[in-house]
């Protein structure tokens, strides 16, 4: 049996990146208030948001795989989204009262997948999938990513961490298998400035 669950590490880093995005946003605002451009901290904010998204998706995939491994249940689906959708099978195998994946968590994972694929692949297919998933309307030429990039702010990062934590908590309640929580961050994690080069 596998003995390593990377979801806690990835979610803790995602949480630290989300906090860094908030700090960089505040720094950019302060710089603009002092007559500066705020460009550098604004870019670091976006960098930290990108890290938050990628790490939160990795934590979600890692955690759901860990659940199936720990419960010794063979997943029906090979995709991480399919495994989240089939989590009720784990609860049933463990003799627990189960629910199917609530629609708000299903929606979150679809959004997270679309964001991650866009940020990692950056191709037209991923861009169109993200626009479709987020029901975005762009009046510019196809493939214009300005509206997408504008959405990469500290509010998005914070929302992703909160929605991930809610989904993980729900899954732990269904299965009894500990969820990543990132309930504490070390001083070194908070000072490492995710989003910086």
Protein backbone atom coordinates (compact mmCIF):
# COMPACT_ATOMS: atom_id res chain seq x y z
CA UNK A 1 0.00 0.00 0.00
CA UNK A 2 1.19 3.52 -0.74
CA UNK A 3 2.29 5.51 2.28
CA UNK A 4 2.59 9.04 0.91
CA UNK A 5 -0.18 11.60 0.78
CA UNK A 6 1.07 14.78 -0.87
CA UNK A 7 -2.22 16.63 -0.67
CA UNK A 8 -1.47 18.36 2.65
CA UNK A 9 1.84 19.76 1.40
CA UNK A 10 0.29 21.00 -1.84
CA UNK A 11 -2.72 22.53 -0.13
CA UNK A 12 -0.56 24.21 2.50
CA UNK A 13 1.54 25.76 -0.30
CA UNK A 14 -1.64 26.80 -2.15
CA UNK A 15 -2.83 28.53 1.03
CA UNK A 16 0.52 30.30 1.45
CA UNK A 17 0.38 31.45 -2.18
CA UNK A 18 -3.13 32.79 -1.66
CA UNK A 19 -1.92 34.84 1.31
CA UNK A 20 1.02 36.08 -0.74
CA UNK A 21 -1.38 37.19 -3.50
CA UNK A 22 -3.31 39.24 -0.93
CA UNK A 23 -0.09 40.80 0.41
CA UNK A 24 1.10 41.70 -3.09
CA UNK A 25 -2.29 43.23 -3.93
CA UNK A 26 -2.04 45.42 -0.83
CA UNK A 27 1.51 46.39 -1.77
CA UNK A 28 0.42 47.33 -5.31
CA UNK A 29 -2.40 49.48 -3.91
CA UNK A 30 0.00 51.20 -1.51
CA UNK A 31 2.49 51.90 -4.29
CA UNK A 32 -0.24 53.38 -6.50
CA UNK A 33 -1.30 55.56 -3.56
CA UNK A 34 2.25 56.90 -3.46
CA UNK A 35 2.19 57.81 -7.15
CA UNK A 36 4.05 54.71 -8.36
CA UNK A 37 2.84 52.21 -10.94
CA UNK A 38 2.44 49.22 -8.61
CA UNK A 39 3.28 47.09 -11.63
CA UNK A 40 5.82 44.78 -9.98
CA UNK A 41 3.68 43.74 -6.98
CA UNK A 42 0.64 43.47 -9.26
CA UNK A 43 2.54 40.96 -11.39
CA UNK A 44 3.65 39.07 -8.29
CA UNK A 45 0.00 38.95 -7.21
CA UNK A 46 -0.89 37.25 -10.51
CA UNK A 47 2.07 34.88 -10.16
CA UNK A 48 0.88 33.87 -6.68
CA UNK A 49 -2.68 33.36 -7.95
CA UNK A 50 -1.40 31.07 -10.71
CA UNK A 51 0.55 29.07 -8.13
CA UNK A 52 -2.53 28.88 -5.91
CA UNK A 53 -4.65 27.46 -8.73
CA UNK A 54 -2.10 24.88 -9.85
CA UNK A 55 -1.32 23.73 -6.32
CA UNK A 56 -4.99 23.58 -5.26
CA UNK A 57 -5.78 21.40 -8.28
CA UNK A 58 -2.82 19.14 -7.49
CA UNK A 59 -4.01 18.86 -3.87
CA UNK A 60 -7.54 17.98 -5.00
CA UNK A 61 -6.27 15.27 -7.34
CA UNK A 62 -3.83 13.91 -4.77
CA UNK A 63 -6.40 13.83 -1.96
CA UNK A 64 -9.10 12.01 -3.91
CA UNK A 65 -6.54 9.43 -5.07
CA UNK A 66 -5.37 9.04 -1.47
CA UNK A 67 -8.94 8.40 -0.33
CA UNK A 68 -9.36 5.52 -2.77
CA UNK A 69 -5.96 4.08 -1.82
CA UNK A 70 -6.63 4.27 1.91
CA UNK A 71 -10.08 2.73 1.56
CA UNK A 72 -8.69 0.02 -0.74
CA UNK A 73 -11.45 0.76 -3.26
CA UNK A 74 -10.78 0.53 -6.97
CA UNK A 75 -11.89 3.76 -8.68
CA UNK A 76 -14.17 3.38 -11.67
CA UNK A 77 -12.86 6.51 -13.35
CA UNK A 78 -9.27 7.23 -14.35
CA UNK A 79 -9.83 11.00 -14.15
CA UNK A 80 -9.53 12.91 -10.91
CA UNK A 81 -12.90 14.60 -11.56
CA UNK A 82 -14.51 11.21 -12.08
CA UNK A 83 -13.03 9.99 -8.82
CA UNK A 84 -14.53 12.92 -6.94
CA UNK A 85 -17.86 12.08 -8.57
CA UNK A 86 -17.49 8.45 -7.45
CA UNK A 87 -16.49 9.20 -3.87
CA UNK A 88 -19.81 7.82 -2.61
CA UNK A 89 -18.45 4.35 -3.49
CA UNK A 90 -15.73 4.78 -0.88
CA UNK A 91 -18.25 5.76 1.78
CA UNK A 92 -20.41 2.78 0.90
CA UNK A 93 -17.40 0.42 1.06
CA UNK A 94 -16.56 1.79 4.51
CA UNK A 95 -20.14 1.29 5.71
CA UNK A 96 -20.85 4.98 6.10
CA UNK A 97 -23.95 7.00 5.27
CA UNK A 98 -23.07 8.62 1.97
CA UNK A 99 -24.11 11.43 -0.32
CA UNK A 100 -23.24 12.06 -3.91
CA UNK A 101 -20.84 14.91 -4.62
CA UNK A 102 -22.81 18.15 -3.99
CA UNK A 103 -23.27 20.35 -7.04
CA UNK A 104 -21.26 23.22 -5.55
CA UNK A 105 -18.19 20.99 -5.18
CA UNK A 106 -18.67 19.50 -8.64
CA UNK A 107 -18.87 23.02 -10.06
CA UNK A 108 -15.75 24.07 -8.16
CA UNK A 109 -13.72 21.15 -9.48
CA UNK A 110 -14.84 21.86 -13.04
CA UNK A 111 -13.81 25.51 -12.64
CA UNK A 112 -10.50 24.47 -11.08
CA UNK A 113 -9.79 22.05 -13.91
CA UNK A 114 -10.56 24.71 -16.53
CA UNK A 115 -8.29 27.25 -14.82
CA UNK A 116 -5.46 24.77 -14.37
CA UNK A 117 -5.61 23.55 -17.97
CA UNK A 118 -5.65 27.09 -19.29
CA UNK A 119 -2.69 28.14 -17.15
CA UNK A 120 -0.63 25.04 -17.84
CA UNK A 121 -1.44 24.48 -21.52
CA UNK A 122 -2.30 27.99 -22.66
CA UNK A 123 -3.70 26.79 -25.97
CA UNK A 124 -6.89 27.74 -27.80
CA UNK A 125 -8.77 24.63 -26.65
CA UNK A 126 -7.98 25.30 -22.98
CA UNK A 127 -8.84 28.99 -23.38
CA UNK A 128 -12.22 28.18 -24.96
CA UNK A 129 -12.95 25.60 -22.27
CA UNK A 130 -12.21 28.15 -19.55
CA UNK A 131 -14.38 30.79 -21.20
CA UNK A 132 -17.19 28.26 -21.54
CA UNK A 133 -16.87 27.02 -17.96
CA UNK A 134 -16.84 30.51 -16.51
CA UNK A 135 -19.46 31.76 -19.00
CA UNK A 136 -17.19 34.60 -19.93
CA UNK A 137 -18.03 36.99 -22.70
CA UNK A 138 -15.19 38.50 -24.65
CA UNK A 139 -15.99 40.84 -27.50
CA UNK A 140 -12.45 40.85 -28.82
CA UNK A 141 -10.83 38.49 -31.27
CA UNK A 142 -10.98 34.76 -30.44
CA UNK A 143 -8.10 33.83 -28.19
CA UNK A 144 -7.83 37.27 -26.58
CA UNK A 145 -6.95 36.46 -22.98
CA UNK A 146 -7.19 39.95 -21.46
CA UNK A 147 -10.39 39.24 -19.56
CA UNK A 148 -8.96 35.96 -18.28
CA UNK A 149 -5.77 37.58 -17.03
CA UNK A 150 -7.76 40.33 -15.31
CA UNK A 151 -9.51 37.66 -13.23
CA UNK A 152 -6.22 36.45 -11.74
CA UNK A 153 -6.46 38.44 -8.53
CA UNK A 154 -6.17 37.79 -4.81
CA UNK A 155 -9.95 37.38 -4.51
CA UNK A 156 -9.84 34.45 -6.94
CA UNK A 157 -6.98 32.85 -5.00
CA UNK A 158 -8.78 33.24 -1.68
CA UNK A 159 -12.00 31.83 -3.13
CA UNK A 160 -10.19 28.80 -4.52
CA UNK A 161 -8.61 27.99 -1.17
CA UNK A 162 -11.96 28.40 0.63
CA UNK A 163 -13.84 26.25 -1.90
CA UNK A 164 -11.13 23.58 -1.83
CA UNK A 165 -11.19 23.48 1.96
CA UNK A 166 -14.99 23.09 1.92
CA UNK A 167 -14.80 20.21 -0.58
CA UNK A 168 -12.02 18.49 1.36
CA UNK A 169 -13.95 18.84 4.62
CA UNK A 170 -17.04 17.35 2.95
CA UNK A 171 -15.00 14.39 1.65
CA UNK A 172 -13.47 13.74 5.06
CA UNK A 173 -16.96 13.67 6.54
CA UNK A 174 -18.06 11.15 3.91
CA UNK A 175 -15.09 8.84 4.29
CA UNK A 176 -13.47 9.48 7.66
CA UNK A 177 -10.13 9.94 5.87
CA UNK A 178 -8.28 13.06 7.02
CA UNK A 179 -8.40 15.96 4.60
CA UNK A 180 -5.71 18.52 3.89
CA UNK A 181 -6.56 21.61 5.87
CA UNK A 182 -3.55 23.94 5.85
CA UNK A 183 -4.73 24.96 9.29
CA UNK A 184 -1.31 26.37 10.08
CA UNK A 185 1.47 27.90 8.04
CA UNK A 186 5.01 28.18 9.34
CA UNK A 187 6.72 31.58 9.51
CA UNK A 188 9.10 30.45 6.75
CA UNK A 189 6.18 29.61 4.47
CA UNK A 190 4.64 33.01 5.08
CA UNK A 191 7.89 34.83 4.43
CA UNK A 192 8.96 32.91 1.31
CA UNK A 193 6.84 35.17 -0.90
CA UNK A 194 5.19 32.73 -3.28
CA UNK A 195 4.81 34.40 -6.62
CA UNK A 196 8.31 35.78 -6.57
CA UNK A 197 10.97 34.67 -9.04
